[in-house]
Amino acid sequence: MKILNIVGARADLVKIARLLTAMRSYDGITPILVHTDSIYDEKLSGIFFEQMGVPRPDIKVGVGSGSHAYQATEILKRIEPVLVEQNPDVVLVVGDVNSTMAASLAAAKFGRTGPGLSLSRDNEVNLLKIESRPIHGHPREYQFFLEVESDRTEQLAQALAEVRDSTTEILVVGLYTTGKTN
């Protein structure tokens, strides 16, 4: 199980250190530490790594300082590719800073849209819209509604096959074509 641990402030490093130690003691758990760098200075943070034994981040997204709006926007933009690349089973976000809010939002959205993202990746299929709705009476299960565009029947079939592998049911109710001839 891959667990992506996202932190932003120095105090969050202290909070996550014990959790990382515990996670690493179990076979089958791969913890990855991601630091947004929203509140980061080597002189101030270095002590946590050197003297307190806090593990250095596996991934740093390099947001830097700025207004609340700037940081939240940058964290959203920079965390999403990490979520897609790492494809974690669990995302753990600690703290009470801009990083916490933005990373939680990105993780929640990723968790609900993850299956549909593979549709357009390398398949020449344009994912126009994706929505999800919880399935009543089934916690953590969702219905996905995808709107796609493609003139490439073979690539679309391949993309749908990939999505089908991670779902219990898929039903195509319509398809848009681009009108282009290739």
N, C-alpha and C. Protein backbone atom coordinates (compact mmCIF):
# COMPACT_ATOMS: atom_id res chain seq x y z
N MET A 1 0.85 -1.17 0.00
CA MET A 1 0.00 0.00 0.00
C MET A 1 0.89 1.23 0.00
N LYS A 2 0.65 2.13 -0.96
CA LYS A 2 1.42 3.35 -1.06
C LYS A 2 0.64 4.48 -0.37
N ILE A 3 1.28 5.13 0.61
CA ILE A 3 0.66 6.23 1.34
C ILE A 3 1.45 7.50 1.07
N LEU A 4 0.78 8.47 0.46
CA LEU A 4 1.38 9.76 0.18
C LEU A 4 1.08 10.68 1.35
N ASN A 5 2.12 11.15 2.03
CA ASN A 5 2.01 12.00 3.21
C ASN A 5 2.41 13.41 2.80
N ILE A 6 1.46 14.36 2.91
CA ILE A 6 1.72 15.72 2.44
C ILE A 6 1.79 16.68 3.63
N VAL A 7 2.87 17.47 3.67
CA VAL A 7 3.06 18.45 4.73
C VAL A 7 3.44 19.79 4.11
N GLY A 8 3.29 20.86 4.93
CA GLY A 8 3.65 22.17 4.44
C GLY A 8 4.45 23.00 5.44
N ALA A 9 4.12 22.91 6.70
CA ALA A 9 4.77 23.72 7.73
C ALA A 9 5.75 22.89 8.54
N ARG A 10 6.67 23.58 9.21
CA ARG A 10 7.66 22.87 10.03
C ARG A 10 6.99 22.04 11.11
N ALA A 11 5.94 22.55 11.72
CA ALA A 11 5.25 21.79 12.76
C ALA A 11 4.65 20.50 12.20
N ASP A 12 4.28 20.52 10.91
CA ASP A 12 3.72 19.32 10.27
C ASP A 12 4.78 18.23 10.15
N LEU A 13 6.05 18.63 10.00
CA LEU A 13 7.13 17.65 9.92
C LEU A 13 7.23 16.86 11.21
N VAL A 14 7.07 17.55 12.34
CA VAL A 14 7.12 16.87 13.63
C VAL A 14 5.94 15.91 13.75
N LYS A 15 4.76 16.34 13.32
CA LYS A 15 3.57 15.49 13.39
C LYS A 15 3.72 14.23 12.55
N ILE A 16 4.29 14.38 11.37
CA ILE A 16 4.34 13.26 10.43
C ILE A 16 5.51 12.31 10.73
N ALA A 17 6.53 12.77 11.43
CA ALA A 17 7.74 11.96 11.66
C ALA A 17 7.41 10.62 12.32
N ARG A 18 6.63 10.62 13.40
CA ARG A 18 6.29 9.37 14.08
C ARG A 18 5.43 8.47 13.21
N LEU A 19 4.52 9.09 12.46
CA LEU A 19 3.67 8.30 11.56
C LEU A 19 4.50 7.61 10.50
N LEU A 20 5.47 8.33 9.95
CA LEU A 20 6.35 7.73 8.93
C LEU A 20 7.15 6.57 9.51
N THR A 21 7.65 6.75 10.72
CA THR A 21 8.40 5.68 11.38
C THR A 21 7.53 4.45 11.55
N ALA A 22 6.30 4.65 11.99
CA ALA A 22 5.37 3.53 12.17
C ALA A 22 5.04 2.88 10.84
N MET A 23 4.78 3.68 9.82
CA MET A 23 4.44 3.12 8.50
C MET A 23 5.58 2.28 7.96
N ARG A 24 6.81 2.76 8.13
CA ARG A 24 7.98 2.05 7.60
C ARG A 24 8.25 0.75 8.33
N SER A 25 7.65 0.56 9.49
CA SER A 25 7.87 -0.67 10.24
C SER A 25 6.99 -1.82 9.74
N TYR A 26 6.08 -1.54 8.85
CA TYR A 26 5.18 -2.57 8.32
C TYR A 26 5.55 -2.94 6.89
N ASP A 27 5.68 -4.25 6.65
CA ASP A 27 5.87 -4.72 5.29
C ASP A 27 4.61 -4.40 4.50
N GLY A 28 4.78 -4.02 3.27
CA GLY A 28 3.62 -3.76 2.44
C GLY A 28 3.14 -2.32 2.47
N ILE A 29 3.73 -1.48 3.32
CA ILE A 29 3.38 -0.06 3.34
C ILE A 29 4.57 0.73 2.83
N THR A 30 4.32 1.54 1.82
CA THR A 30 5.35 2.40 1.26
C THR A 30 4.94 3.84 1.48
N PRO A 31 5.50 4.48 2.53
CA PRO A 31 5.16 5.89 2.76
C PRO A 31 6.05 6.81 1.91
N ILE A 32 5.44 7.82 1.35
CA ILE A 32 6.17 8.81 0.56
C ILE A 32 5.86 10.17 1.18
N LEU A 33 6.91 10.92 1.52
CA LEU A 33 6.74 12.23 2.14
C LEU A 33 6.85 13.32 1.07
N VAL A 34 5.80 14.12 0.98
CA VAL A 34 5.76 15.24 0.03
C VAL A 34 5.71 16.53 0.82
N HIS A 35 6.60 17.46 0.51
CA HIS A 35 6.63 18.76 1.18
C HIS A 35 6.27 19.82 0.14
N THR A 36 5.29 20.66 0.48
CA THR A 36 4.87 21.70 -0.46
C THR A 36 5.87 22.84 -0.54
N ASP A 37 6.74 22.96 0.44
CA ASP A 37 7.71 24.06 0.51
C ASP A 37 7.03 25.42 0.67
N SER A 38 5.80 25.42 1.15
CA SER A 38 5.11 26.70 1.33
C SER A 38 5.63 27.47 2.53
N ILE A 39 6.11 26.76 3.52
CA ILE A 39 6.75 27.39 4.68
C ILE A 39 8.04 26.62 4.89
N TYR A 40 9.07 27.00 4.13
CA TYR A 40 10.30 26.23 4.15
C TYR A 40 11.50 27.14 4.07
N ASP A 41 12.42 26.89 4.93
CA ASP A 41 13.70 27.58 4.93
C ASP A 41 14.69 26.57 5.49
N GLU A 42 15.77 26.30 4.77
CA GLU A 42 16.72 25.28 5.19
C GLU A 42 17.29 25.57 6.58
N LYS A 43 17.54 26.83 6.88
CA LYS A 43 18.10 27.16 8.20
C LYS A 43 17.10 26.84 9.32
N LEU A 44 15.81 27.10 9.06
CA LEU A 44 14.81 26.85 10.08
C LEU A 44 14.33 25.40 10.08
N SER A 45 14.26 24.79 8.91
CA SER A 45 13.75 23.42 8.82
C SER A 45 14.84 22.37 8.98
N GLY A 46 16.07 22.75 8.65
CA GLY A 46 17.17 21.79 8.71
C GLY A 46 17.32 21.11 10.06
N ILE A 47 17.04 21.83 11.13
CA ILE A 47 17.14 21.26 12.47
C ILE A 47 16.23 20.05 12.65
N PHE A 48 15.06 20.08 12.01
CA PHE A 48 14.12 18.96 12.11
C PHE A 48 14.72 17.70 11.49
N PHE A 49 15.42 17.88 10.38
CA PHE A 49 16.00 16.73 9.68
C PHE A 49 17.27 16.25 10.37
N GLU A 50 18.12 17.18 10.76
CA GLU A 50 19.43 16.83 11.31
C GLU A 50 19.38 16.39 12.77
N GLN A 51 18.66 17.13 13.61
CA GLN A 51 18.71 16.87 15.04
C GLN A 51 17.52 16.10 15.57
N MET A 52 16.41 16.15 14.88
CA MET A 52 15.21 15.49 15.38
C MET A 52 14.88 14.20 14.64
N GLY A 53 15.68 13.86 13.63
CA GLY A 53 15.49 12.60 12.93
C GLY A 53 14.26 12.55 12.01
N VAL A 54 13.74 13.71 11.66
CA VAL A 54 12.61 13.74 10.73
C VAL A 54 13.16 13.40 9.34
N PRO A 55 12.52 12.44 8.65
CA PRO A 55 13.01 12.09 7.32
C PRO A 55 12.89 13.27 6.34
N ARG A 56 13.87 13.41 5.48
CA ARG A 56 13.80 14.43 4.44
C ARG A 56 12.70 14.04 3.45
N PRO A 57 12.04 15.03 2.86
CA PRO A 57 10.97 14.73 1.92
C PRO A 57 11.46 13.95 0.70
N ASP A 58 10.63 13.04 0.24
CA ASP A 58 10.92 12.31 -1.00
C ASP A 58 10.65 13.20 -2.20
N ILE A 59 9.65 14.06 -2.06
CA ILE A 59 9.24 14.96 -3.15
C ILE A 59 9.03 16.35 -2.56
N LYS A 60 9.59 17.36 -3.21
CA LYS A 60 9.35 18.75 -2.83
C LYS A 60 8.74 19.44 -4.04
N VAL A 61 7.62 20.13 -3.83
CA VAL A 61 6.95 20.76 -4.98
C VAL A 61 7.31 22.22 -5.15
N GLY A 62 8.04 22.81 -4.21
CA GLY A 62 8.63 24.13 -4.41
C GLY A 62 7.67 25.30 -4.55
N VAL A 63 6.66 25.37 -3.72
CA VAL A 63 5.67 26.45 -3.83
C VAL A 63 6.25 27.79 -3.38
N GLY A 64 6.96 27.82 -2.27
CA GLY A 64 7.52 29.06 -1.77
C GLY A 64 6.48 29.91 -1.05
N SER A 65 6.90 31.11 -0.67
CA SER A 65 6.00 31.98 0.09
C SER A 65 5.14 32.81 -0.85
N GLY A 66 4.10 33.39 -0.27
CA GLY A 66 3.18 34.22 -1.04
C GLY A 66 1.88 34.37 -0.29
N SER A 67 0.93 35.02 -0.92
CA SER A 67 -0.38 35.20 -0.29
C SER A 67 -1.08 33.86 -0.15
N HIS A 68 -2.14 33.84 0.65
CA HIS A 68 -2.91 32.61 0.82
C HIS A 68 -3.42 32.11 -0.53
N ALA A 69 -3.95 33.01 -1.34
CA ALA A 69 -4.50 32.63 -2.64
C ALA A 69 -3.41 32.08 -3.56
N TYR A 70 -2.25 32.73 -3.58
CA TYR A 70 -1.15 32.27 -4.41
C TYR A 70 -0.71 30.87 -3.99
N GLN A 71 -0.48 30.68 -2.69
CA GLN A 71 -0.01 29.39 -2.22
C GLN A 71 -1.03 28.29 -2.49
N ALA A 72 -2.29 28.55 -2.19
CA ALA A 72 -3.32 27.53 -2.41
C ALA A 72 -3.40 27.14 -3.87
N THR A 73 -3.35 28.12 -4.75
CA THR A 73 -3.41 27.85 -6.19
C THR A 73 -2.20 27.05 -6.65
N GLU A 74 -1.03 27.47 -6.23
CA GLU A 74 0.20 26.77 -6.64
C GLU A 74 0.23 25.34 -6.10
N ILE A 75 -0.21 25.15 -4.87
CA ILE A 75 -0.22 23.80 -4.29
C ILE A 75 -1.16 22.91 -5.09
N LEU A 76 -2.35 23.41 -5.39
CA LEU A 76 -3.29 22.63 -6.21
C LEU A 76 -2.66 22.24 -7.54
N LYS A 77 -2.04 23.21 -8.21
CA LYS A 77 -1.44 22.94 -9.52
C LYS A 77 -0.28 21.95 -9.43
N ARG A 78 0.51 22.04 -8.37
CA ARG A 78 1.72 21.23 -8.28
C ARG A 78 1.50 19.87 -7.63
N ILE A 79 0.47 19.75 -6.80
CA ILE A 79 0.20 18.46 -6.14
C ILE A 79 -0.51 17.50 -7.09
N GLU A 80 -1.37 18.02 -7.94
CA GLU A 80 -2.13 17.13 -8.83
C GLU A 80 -1.22 16.23 -9.67
N PRO A 81 -0.17 16.75 -10.32
CA PRO A 81 0.72 15.84 -11.07
C PRO A 81 1.40 14.80 -10.20
N VAL A 82 1.70 15.17 -8.95
CA VAL A 82 2.30 14.20 -8.02
C VAL A 82 1.30 13.09 -7.73
N LEU A 83 0.05 13.44 -7.52
CA LEU A 83 -0.99 12.43 -7.28
C LEU A 83 -1.13 11.50 -8.48
N VAL A 84 -1.15 12.07 -9.67
CA VAL A 84 -1.29 11.26 -10.88
C VAL A 84 -0.09 10.34 -11.06
N GLU A 85 1.12 10.90 -10.88
CA GLU A 85 2.35 10.11 -11.06
C GLU A 85 2.49 9.01 -10.02
N GLN A 86 2.24 9.35 -8.76
CA GLN A 86 2.43 8.39 -7.67
C GLN A 86 1.27 7.41 -7.54
N ASN A 87 0.06 7.84 -7.90
CA ASN A 87 -1.14 7.00 -7.82
C ASN A 87 -1.23 6.27 -6.47
N PRO A 88 -1.29 7.03 -5.38
CA PRO A 88 -1.27 6.41 -4.05
C PRO A 88 -2.59 5.71 -3.71
N ASP A 89 -2.51 4.77 -2.79
CA ASP A 89 -3.71 4.12 -2.27
C ASP A 89 -4.38 5.02 -1.23
N VAL A 90 -3.56 5.76 -0.49
CA VAL A 90 -4.05 6.64 0.57
C VAL A 90 -3.26 7.94 0.51
N VAL A 91 -3.95 9.05 0.77
CA VAL A 91 -3.28 10.35 0.91
C VAL A 91 -3.55 10.83 2.33
N LEU A 92 -2.47 11.14 3.06
CA LEU A 92 -2.57 11.64 4.42
C LEU A 92 -2.04 13.06 4.44
N VAL A 93 -2.89 14.01 4.85
CA VAL A 93 -2.51 15.41 4.91
C VAL A 93 -2.63 15.85 6.36
N VAL A 94 -1.55 16.39 6.92
CA VAL A 94 -1.60 16.84 8.32
C VAL A 94 -1.41 18.35 8.38
N GLY A 95 -1.88 18.95 9.45
CA GLY A 95 -1.64 20.36 9.69
C GLY A 95 -2.88 21.22 9.59
N ASP A 96 -2.65 22.52 9.62
CA ASP A 96 -3.75 23.48 9.57
C ASP A 96 -3.33 24.74 8.81
N VAL A 97 -2.58 24.55 7.74
CA VAL A 97 -2.07 25.68 6.96
C VAL A 97 -2.61 25.60 5.54
N ASN A 98 -2.19 26.53 4.69
CA ASN A 98 -2.63 26.54 3.28
C ASN A 98 -2.39 25.20 2.60
N SER A 99 -1.26 24.59 2.91
CA SER A 99 -0.93 23.29 2.30
C SER A 99 -1.98 22.25 2.63
N THR A 100 -2.45 22.26 3.86
CA THR A 100 -3.44 21.29 4.30
C THR A 100 -4.72 21.44 3.51
N MET A 101 -5.20 22.65 3.40
CA MET A 101 -6.44 22.92 2.69
C MET A 101 -6.32 22.56 1.21
N ALA A 102 -5.28 23.04 0.56
CA ALA A 102 -5.13 22.83 -0.88
C ALA A 102 -4.83 21.36 -1.21
N ALA A 103 -3.96 20.74 -0.44
CA ALA A 103 -3.62 19.34 -0.71
C ALA A 103 -4.81 18.43 -0.44
N SER A 104 -5.59 18.74 0.58
CA SER A 104 -6.79 17.95 0.87
C SER A 104 -7.79 18.06 -0.28
N LEU A 105 -7.96 19.26 -0.79
CA LEU A 105 -8.87 19.46 -1.92
C LEU A 105 -8.39 18.69 -3.15
N ALA A 106 -7.11 18.77 -3.44
CA ALA A 106 -6.56 18.06 -4.59
C ALA A 106 -6.72 16.55 -4.41
N ALA A 107 -6.45 16.05 -3.22
CA ALA A 107 -6.56 14.61 -2.95
C ALA A 107 -8.00 14.14 -3.05
N ALA A 108 -8.92 14.93 -2.52
CA ALA A 108 -10.34 14.54 -2.59
C ALA A 108 -10.81 14.50 -4.03
N LYS A 109 -10.41 15.47 -4.81
CA LYS A 109 -10.82 15.50 -6.22
C LYS A 109 -10.17 14.34 -6.97
N PHE A 110 -8.90 14.08 -6.69
CA PHE A 110 -8.20 12.98 -7.34
C PHE A 110 -8.86 11.65 -7.02
N GLY A 111 -9.23 11.48 -5.77
CA GLY A 111 -9.86 10.22 -5.36
C GLY A 111 -11.16 9.96 -6.08
N ARG A 112 -11.84 11.01 -6.44
CA ARG A 112 -13.13 10.84 -7.10
C ARG A 112 -13.02 10.79 -8.60
N THR A 113 -11.93 11.28 -9.16
CA THR A 113 -11.82 11.32 -10.62
C THR A 113 -10.73 10.40 -11.15
N GLY A 114 -9.99 9.76 -10.27
CA GLY A 114 -8.86 8.94 -10.69
C GLY A 114 -9.12 7.97 -11.82
N PRO A 115 -10.20 7.16 -11.78
CA PRO A 115 -10.41 6.18 -12.85
C PRO A 115 -10.55 6.80 -14.23
N GLY A 116 -11.13 7.97 -14.34
CA GLY A 116 -11.35 8.58 -15.64
C GLY A 116 -10.12 9.22 -16.24
N LEU A 117 -9.12 9.52 -15.40
CA LEU A 117 -7.94 10.21 -15.90
C LEU A 117 -7.18 9.37 -16.93
N SER A 118 -7.23 8.06 -16.80
CA SER A 118 -6.48 7.22 -17.74
C SER A 118 -7.11 7.20 -19.12
N LEU A 119 -8.35 7.67 -19.24
CA LEU A 119 -9.00 7.68 -20.55
C LEU A 119 -8.22 8.44 -21.59
N SER A 120 -7.79 9.64 -21.25
CA SER A 120 -7.15 10.48 -22.25
C SER A 120 -5.65 10.28 -22.34
N ARG A 121 -5.05 9.68 -21.36
CA ARG A 121 -3.62 9.50 -21.34
C ARG A 121 -3.18 8.53 -22.43
N ASP A 122 -2.43 9.01 -23.40
CA ASP A 122 -1.84 8.19 -24.47
C ASP A 122 -2.85 7.51 -25.37
N ASN A 123 -4.10 7.91 -25.37
CA ASN A 123 -5.10 7.22 -26.18
C ASN A 123 -5.80 8.12 -27.20
N GLU A 124 -5.36 9.35 -27.33
CA GLU A 124 -5.97 10.29 -28.26
C GLU A 124 -7.48 10.41 -28.04
N VAL A 125 -7.86 10.40 -26.78
CA VAL A 125 -9.26 10.58 -26.39
C VAL A 125 -9.32 11.85 -25.56
N ASN A 126 -10.21 12.75 -25.92
CA ASN A 126 -10.35 14.00 -25.20
C ASN A 126 -11.41 13.84 -24.12
N LEU A 127 -11.00 13.94 -22.87
CA LEU A 127 -11.93 13.85 -21.75
C LEU A 127 -12.53 15.24 -21.55
N LEU A 128 -13.78 15.42 -21.99
CA LEU A 128 -14.43 16.72 -21.93
C LEU A 128 -14.96 17.05 -20.55
N LYS A 129 -15.48 16.04 -19.87
CA LYS A 129 -16.12 16.30 -18.58
C LYS A 129 -16.13 15.01 -17.77
N ILE A 130 -15.96 15.15 -16.47
CA ILE A 130 -16.07 14.01 -15.58
C ILE A 130 -16.81 14.46 -14.32
N GLU A 131 -17.77 13.68 -13.91
CA GLU A 131 -18.52 13.95 -12.69
C GLU A 131 -18.64 12.65 -11.92
N SER A 132 -18.82 12.77 -10.64
CA SER A 132 -19.03 11.58 -9.83
C SER A 132 -20.14 11.84 -8.84
N ARG A 133 -20.81 10.78 -8.48
CA ARG A 133 -21.87 10.83 -7.48
C ARG A 133 -21.68 9.63 -6.56
N PRO A 134 -21.83 9.83 -5.25
CA PRO A 134 -21.73 8.69 -4.34
C PRO A 134 -22.89 7.73 -4.59
N ILE A 135 -22.62 6.44 -4.41
CA ILE A 135 -23.66 5.43 -4.54
C ILE A 135 -24.31 5.28 -3.17
N HIS A 136 -25.58 5.57 -3.12
CA HIS A 136 -26.32 5.54 -1.85
C HIS A 136 -26.20 4.15 -1.20
N GLY A 137 -25.84 4.13 0.08
CA GLY A 137 -25.74 2.89 0.82
C GLY A 137 -24.43 2.13 0.62
N HIS A 138 -23.52 2.71 -0.17
CA HIS A 138 -22.22 2.06 -0.42
C HIS A 138 -21.11 3.07 -0.17
N PRO A 139 -20.66 3.18 1.08
CA PRO A 139 -19.62 4.16 1.40
C PRO A 139 -18.37 3.98 0.53
N ARG A 140 -17.79 5.10 0.12
CA ARG A 140 -16.56 5.13 -0.68
C ARG A 140 -16.72 4.52 -2.06
N GLU A 141 -17.95 4.37 -2.56
CA GLU A 141 -18.17 3.91 -3.92
C GLU A 141 -18.89 5.00 -4.69
N TYR A 142 -18.48 5.19 -5.94
CA TYR A 142 -19.00 6.29 -6.74
C TYR A 142 -19.43 5.81 -8.12
N GLN A 143 -20.39 6.53 -8.68
CA GLN A 143 -20.74 6.38 -10.08
C GLN A 143 -20.02 7.50 -10.81
N PHE A 144 -19.42 7.18 -11.96
CA PHE A 144 -18.71 8.17 -12.74
C PHE A 144 -19.45 8.41 -14.04
N PHE A 145 -19.52 9.67 -14.41
CA PHE A 145 -20.15 10.07 -15.66
C PHE A 145 -19.08 10.80 -16.47
N LEU A 146 -18.73 10.22 -17.60
CA LEU A 146 -17.66 10.76 -18.43
C LEU A 146 -18.23 11.23 -19.76
N GLU A 147 -17.72 12.35 -20.23
CA GLU A 147 -18.07 12.85 -21.55
C GLU A 147 -16.77 12.89 -22.33
N VAL A 148 -16.71 12.13 -23.43
CA VAL A 148 -15.46 12.04 -24.18
C VAL A 148 -15.69 12.39 -25.65
N GLU A 149 -14.57 12.69 -26.29
CA GLU A 149 -14.58 13.03 -27.70
C GLU A 149 -13.44 12.27 -28.37
N SER A 150 -13.73 11.58 -29.47
CA SER A 150 -12.68 10.87 -30.17
C SER A 150 -13.16 10.45 -31.55
N ASP A 151 -12.27 10.51 -32.50
CA ASP A 151 -12.54 9.97 -33.83
C ASP A 151 -11.80 8.65 -34.02
N ARG A 152 -11.06 8.25 -33.03
CA ARG A 152 -10.23 7.05 -33.10
C ARG A 152 -10.90 5.91 -32.34
N THR A 153 -11.66 5.12 -33.04
CA THR A 153 -12.43 4.05 -32.42
C THR A 153 -11.53 3.06 -31.68
N GLU A 154 -10.43 2.69 -32.29
CA GLU A 154 -9.53 1.72 -31.67
C GLU A 154 -8.93 2.25 -30.36
N GLN A 155 -8.48 3.51 -30.37
CA GLN A 155 -7.91 4.10 -29.17
C GLN A 155 -8.97 4.27 -28.09
N LEU A 156 -10.19 4.64 -28.49
CA LEU A 156 -11.27 4.78 -27.52
C LEU A 156 -11.58 3.44 -26.87
N ALA A 157 -11.63 2.38 -27.67
CA ALA A 157 -11.88 1.04 -27.13
C ALA A 157 -10.79 0.66 -26.13
N GLN A 158 -9.54 0.98 -26.45
CA GLN A 158 -8.42 0.68 -25.54
C GLN A 158 -8.56 1.47 -24.25
N ALA A 159 -8.90 2.76 -24.36
CA ALA A 159 -9.06 3.61 -23.17
C ALA A 159 -10.19 3.09 -22.29
N LEU A 160 -11.30 2.72 -22.89
CA LEU A 160 -12.43 2.20 -22.11
C LEU A 160 -12.08 0.87 -21.45
N ALA A 161 -11.28 0.06 -22.12
CA ALA A 161 -10.85 -1.21 -21.53
C ALA A 161 -10.00 -0.96 -20.28
N GLU A 162 -9.14 0.06 -20.34
CA GLU A 162 -8.31 0.40 -19.17
C GLU A 162 -9.17 0.86 -18.00
N VAL A 163 -10.18 1.68 -18.28
CA VAL A 163 -11.07 2.15 -17.22
C VAL A 163 -11.90 0.99 -16.69
N ARG A 164 -12.34 0.11 -17.57
CA ARG A 164 -13.17 -1.03 -17.17
C ARG A 164 -12.43 -1.91 -16.15
N ASP A 165 -11.11 -1.99 -16.27
CA ASP A 165 -10.32 -2.81 -15.33
C ASP A 165 -10.41 -2.29 -13.90
N SER A 166 -10.72 -1.00 -13.71
CA SER A 166 -10.77 -0.45 -12.35
C SER A 166 -12.19 -0.10 -11.92
N THR A 167 -13.19 -0.61 -12.62
CA THR A 167 -14.58 -0.33 -12.28
C THR A 167 -15.39 -1.63 -12.27
N THR A 168 -16.59 -1.56 -11.73
CA THR A 168 -17.45 -2.73 -11.74
C THR A 168 -18.39 -2.74 -12.93
N GLU A 169 -18.64 -1.57 -13.50
CA GLU A 169 -19.54 -1.50 -14.64
C GLU A 169 -19.25 -0.23 -15.43
N ILE A 170 -19.36 -0.32 -16.74
CA ILE A 170 -19.20 0.86 -17.58
C ILE A 170 -20.26 0.79 -18.67
N LEU A 171 -20.90 1.90 -18.93
CA LEU A 171 -21.96 1.97 -19.92
C LEU A 171 -21.73 3.21 -20.76
N VAL A 172 -21.55 3.04 -22.05
CA VAL A 172 -21.36 4.17 -22.95
C VAL A 172 -22.74 4.60 -23.44
N VAL A 173 -23.09 5.83 -23.14
CA VAL A 173 -24.42 6.32 -23.53
C VAL A 173 -24.34 7.33 -24.67
N GLY A 174 -23.17 7.71 -25.07
CA GLY A 174 -23.02 8.65 -26.17
C GLY A 174 -21.55 8.90 -26.45
N LEU A 175 -21.27 9.37 -27.64
CA LEU A 175 -19.90 9.64 -28.03
C LEU A 175 -19.91 10.81 -29.00
N TYR A 176 -19.04 11.77 -28.75
CA TYR A 176 -18.88 12.91 -29.65
C TYR A 176 -17.69 12.66 -30.55
N THR A 177 -17.80 13.07 -31.79
CA THR A 177 -16.66 13.01 -32.68
C THR A 177 -16.17 14.43 -32.90
N THR A 178 -14.90 14.55 -33.25
CA THR A 178 -14.32 15.88 -33.45
C THR A 178 -14.68 16.42 -34.82
N GLY A 179 -15.07 15.54 -35.73
CA GLY A 179 -15.38 15.98 -37.09
C GLY A 179 -14.14 16.04 -37.96
N LYS A 180 -13.01 15.73 -37.40
CA LYS A 180 -11.76 15.74 -38.16
C LYS A 180 -11.58 14.39 -38.84
N THR A 181 -11.01 14.41 -40.01
CA THR A 181 -10.67 13.16 -40.69
C THR A 181 -9.18 13.01 -40.67
N ASN A 182 -8.73 11.81 -40.33
CA ASN A 182 -7.29 11.57 -40.23
C ASN A 182 -6.89 10.50 -41.20
